[in-house]
Amino acid sequence: MTLAESLIGQALALGKTPLDLLRGSGREEKVLKNAKDASATEALEVATYTAIERLARAVVDDETAELAASIRADEERMLARILREIPKLTAAVVGADVGGDGSYDIASTGARLSRAPRWGTLPDVPSIEPDPAALLDVEPAHAAPRRIIKAGAALAGVPLALYVVDLDGSAAVRIAGEASVFPERIDAPLGIGPELALDVLDELGRLVTDVLAGCEVVPLIVRDRALGFLVARHAPGVDLGPFALQAALALELVSGYTDVVHSARRRKEVAAAAEIQENLLPPRIARLEGAALAGGVLPGYEVGGDFFDHASNAEGVWLMVADATGKGNVAAALSSLGLGAARAARRSGKGLAHTAAEIDATVRSLGDPERFLTLLLALWDPADGELRWLSCGHPPPLVARADGTVEELGSSQTYPLGALDAGREFMPARARLEPGDRLVLYSDGVSERRLDGGSFFGVDGIRAVLGRPGIEGAAATVRALQDAVIDASAGPMRDDATLLVLARDRPRVKGERAGARSMRP
């Protein structure tokens, strides 16, 4: 019998304890009930990370497999500890409610022990805490943020608030929590759209504690990005890290059933075209095999003709940046059609050239020669670093090499999709990304951003940002370029400025631990 099966058996046996023993008011009964709930939760955790490990090994992702195995081992240790404590707790309940002896030392049960450090290292000690995702089963979806805060505050013993990042990544907005204790908005211009990269979390903590002295900030992390954060007004009585992990998953899940999270992220009215664009986009921040990825679109609340897309498949990592003719609703509709054609071809097993041909045919099917799409479509192989790409009337890609030079990748240039003659042959170009290189795809809204003096930001402006010292990684590069584009002029942006950056990992320094990336906050 496995440990999980054994523990589930113990939990079921515990469920047969006379009800009057579990309904008492003593602290022993509460901790016993807590242990019972935790046993079922931890059995599920063991099964989940076992599955993740097996899937990772099946796709030869050793880093993820090792990390999942490490976390699974932690979960199994926690299960073993709960298993050891259940008989003691049962005896304590009997002693308290039957024998009148309430002297059992509850502190020795480990019921309040903390397991996950707040900022991302792996756990070694267990905790017994509620699962906020379960709240979604019994509450209306729109009430989930309030219920998460209620459960978290009860656990922490201090007032709690939940914040998400607004659509343009410039501020955090309170979605749940007491208005008399927590501000509605905290300036935090750190996001790429409504997502936060893990490398800005320390800076986020400084910005929030500058507004709320003495508070504690706990990020809500799903995979490699934070979707928001919890703020405890004072130091909580427990480590909220494990709770925040569950809350982040609950928040991500509930967003498919209600507008409450989406509405909180929109601090002003969003144009219909921009709303379409927002719903087209994949995650802004992603971790890939051997690389990191980040993408963003400015201004966020208006325009709506650009989009980017990415997907990590068995054949490699697909990358795409596109710009539809026109502005507003017409451009957004054309973008939706183009992206749909691209995903349909890609998911049907088509290669790079065939995917471009499918998009071209789809745009042409509209029968309007004035409607076309510029596109940069690429496929990167993590195994050998080879990049293949097609540029259809689009600015060519740039590569910021590890040695500090910036190279423009030429050739493979053809006219936009849907324009001129049909039946062309698409011939991908090839290059190689070396460890430490950053590939930058962008739309003309970046290079043609008008400066106050009347000139353009230009490719030289992009090169200047890429050449700055201290900017490494995909997310940091996107943030730096977006800041530079915004700061280039006091005037509003007249066109979408879209970026997609793939940063290949640098070689590990000798002694650096593999799998240091955490799956937990």
Foldseek 3Di string as FASTA:
>chain_A
DDLLVVLVVVLVVVVPDPVVLLPDDDPLSVLLVLLSQQSNVLSVLLVVLVVQLVVCVVLPNVLSNVQSVVQSVLSSVVSVLSVVCNVVSVVLSCCCPPVVDNPDDPVVSQQQPAFDDQQFFHGRGDYRADQLLVVPVPDPLLCSQQSLQVRVCVSFVFWKWWWWAAQCQFWIATLYTDCVQDPRIFGDNQDQGGKHFSVCVVVVQVSRCVVQPQKDWGFQDAAGITGTIMIGSHGTPHRCFVSSPSSSVSVVVSVVPDCSSVVRNHPDAAAPLLVLQVVLADDQWDDDVQWTKGKHKPDRRFWHQKHWYWDQDSQAIKTKIKGKPDTGPVSSVLVVQLSVLLVVCVVVPHDDFVSLLSSLVSLLVVVDQRIFMWMKIWGAHSVFQKIWIATACFQFKWKQAQVLDIDGDDDNYHHTRNHDDHDDGRDIDMDGHDAFMKIKGKGVLLQQLAAPVGGTCHPVVLSVQSNDPPQGGHSSSNSSSVVCSPVRYPDDRPHMIMMMMMTGHHDDDPPDDRSRGGSTD
